[in-house]
Protein backbone atom coordinates (compact mmCIF):
# COMPACT_ATOMS: atom_id res chain seq x y z
CA MET A 1 0.00 0.00 0.00
CA SER A 2 1.31 3.46 -0.88
CA LEU A 3 2.66 5.51 2.02
CA PHE A 4 0.51 8.45 0.93
CA LEU A 5 -2.63 6.34 0.67
CA TYR A 6 -2.01 4.88 4.12
CA GLY A 7 -1.85 8.36 5.69
CA GLY A 8 -5.07 9.42 3.97
CA ILE A 9 -6.89 6.32 5.17
CA VAL A 10 -5.76 6.96 8.75
CA ALA A 11 -7.06 10.54 8.58
CA ILE A 12 -10.44 9.41 7.23
CA LEU A 13 -10.75 6.80 9.98
CA PHE A 14 -10.10 9.48 12.63
CA ILE A 15 -12.92 11.59 11.18
CA LEU A 16 -15.39 8.71 10.85
CA ILE A 17 -14.69 6.94 14.14
CA LEU A 18 -13.90 9.84 16.45
CA GLY A 19 -15.81 12.60 14.72
CA VAL A 20 -12.63 14.66 14.77
CA GLU A 21 -12.18 17.28 12.09
CA ILE A 22 -8.55 17.41 11.03
CA MET A 23 -7.15 20.66 9.69
CA ALA A 24 -5.93 20.53 6.11
CA ILE A 25 -2.35 21.01 5.02
CA GLY A 26 -2.12 23.78 2.46
CA THR A 27 1.55 23.41 1.59
CA ALA A 28 4.84 22.02 2.81
CA ILE A 29 8.16 23.56 1.79
CA GLN A 30 11.83 22.74 2.22
CA ASN A 31 13.64 25.46 4.15
CA GLY A 32 17.27 24.57 4.70
CA GLY A 33 17.39 21.34 6.68
CA PHE A 34 13.77 21.66 7.80
CA VAL A 35 10.33 21.02 6.31
CA ARG A 36 7.87 23.80 7.14
CA VAL A 37 4.17 22.90 7.03
CA TYR A 38 1.41 25.50 6.54
CA ASP A 39 -2.38 25.35 6.66
CA GLU A 40 -4.68 26.41 3.82
CA LYS A 41 -4.54 30.04 4.98
CA GLY A 42 -0.73 30.07 5.01
CA HIS A 43 -0.37 29.92 8.78
CA PRO A 44 2.51 27.78 10.06
CA ILE A 45 1.46 24.48 11.64
CA TYR A 46 4.78 22.78 12.40
CA SER A 47 8.37 22.26 11.33
CA LYS A 48 10.40 19.04 11.25
CA PRO A 49 14.04 18.31 10.36
CA GLY A 50 14.69 16.37 7.16
CA GLU A 51 14.03 16.45 3.41
CA LEU A 52 10.52 16.92 2.03
CA TYR A 53 9.48 13.71 0.26
CA GLY A 54 5.86 14.66 -0.45
CA PHE A 55 2.60 15.87 1.07
CA THR A 56 -1.17 15.64 0.76
CA SER A 57 -3.91 17.63 2.46
CA THR A 58 -3.67 15.27 5.46
CA THR A 59 -0.07 13.99 5.61
CA VAL A 60 3.55 15.09 5.15
CA SER A 61 6.31 12.62 4.28
CA ILE A 62 9.85 13.54 5.33
CA LYS A 63 13.06 11.71 4.48
CA VAL A 64 15.54 11.44 7.34
CA GLY A 65 18.55 9.30 6.55
CA SER A 66 17.30 6.08 4.99
CA PHE A 67 13.75 6.38 6.41
CA ILE A 68 10.55 8.13 5.38
CA HIS A 69 8.60 9.49 8.34
CA ILE A 70 4.92 10.30 7.80
CA TYR A 71 3.17 12.89 9.94
CA ASP A 72 -0.45 13.97 10.18
CA ALA A 73 -1.72 17.54 9.78
CA LYS A 74 -0.89 18.31 13.42
CA GLY A 75 2.67 16.99 13.21
CA HIS A 76 2.02 13.72 15.03
CA PRO A 77 3.91 10.70 13.65
CA ILE A 78 1.80 8.16 11.77
CA THR A 79 4.47 5.71 10.61
CA SER A 80 8.07 5.33 9.47
CA LYS A 81 9.30 3.15 6.61
CA PRO A 82 12.81 2.31 5.40
CA LEU A 83 13.62 3.33 1.84
């Protein structure tokens, strides 16, 4: 299963099971050695060290060494996978 698909499924389950509305990621950018994550209005949400690997409206994937770490829209870790 794709890492991006997995993160999206987790977010949908949170909404359906817990009734929790999760804020959407508007963009994620590489800034030096950090990935900066912003909401849809351009407000900063969080920052993590590493290299931006990709993002969706619900997850951000960051490469650190030989691993991809996936975080939700609040910056909480979802999973990590070796490359």
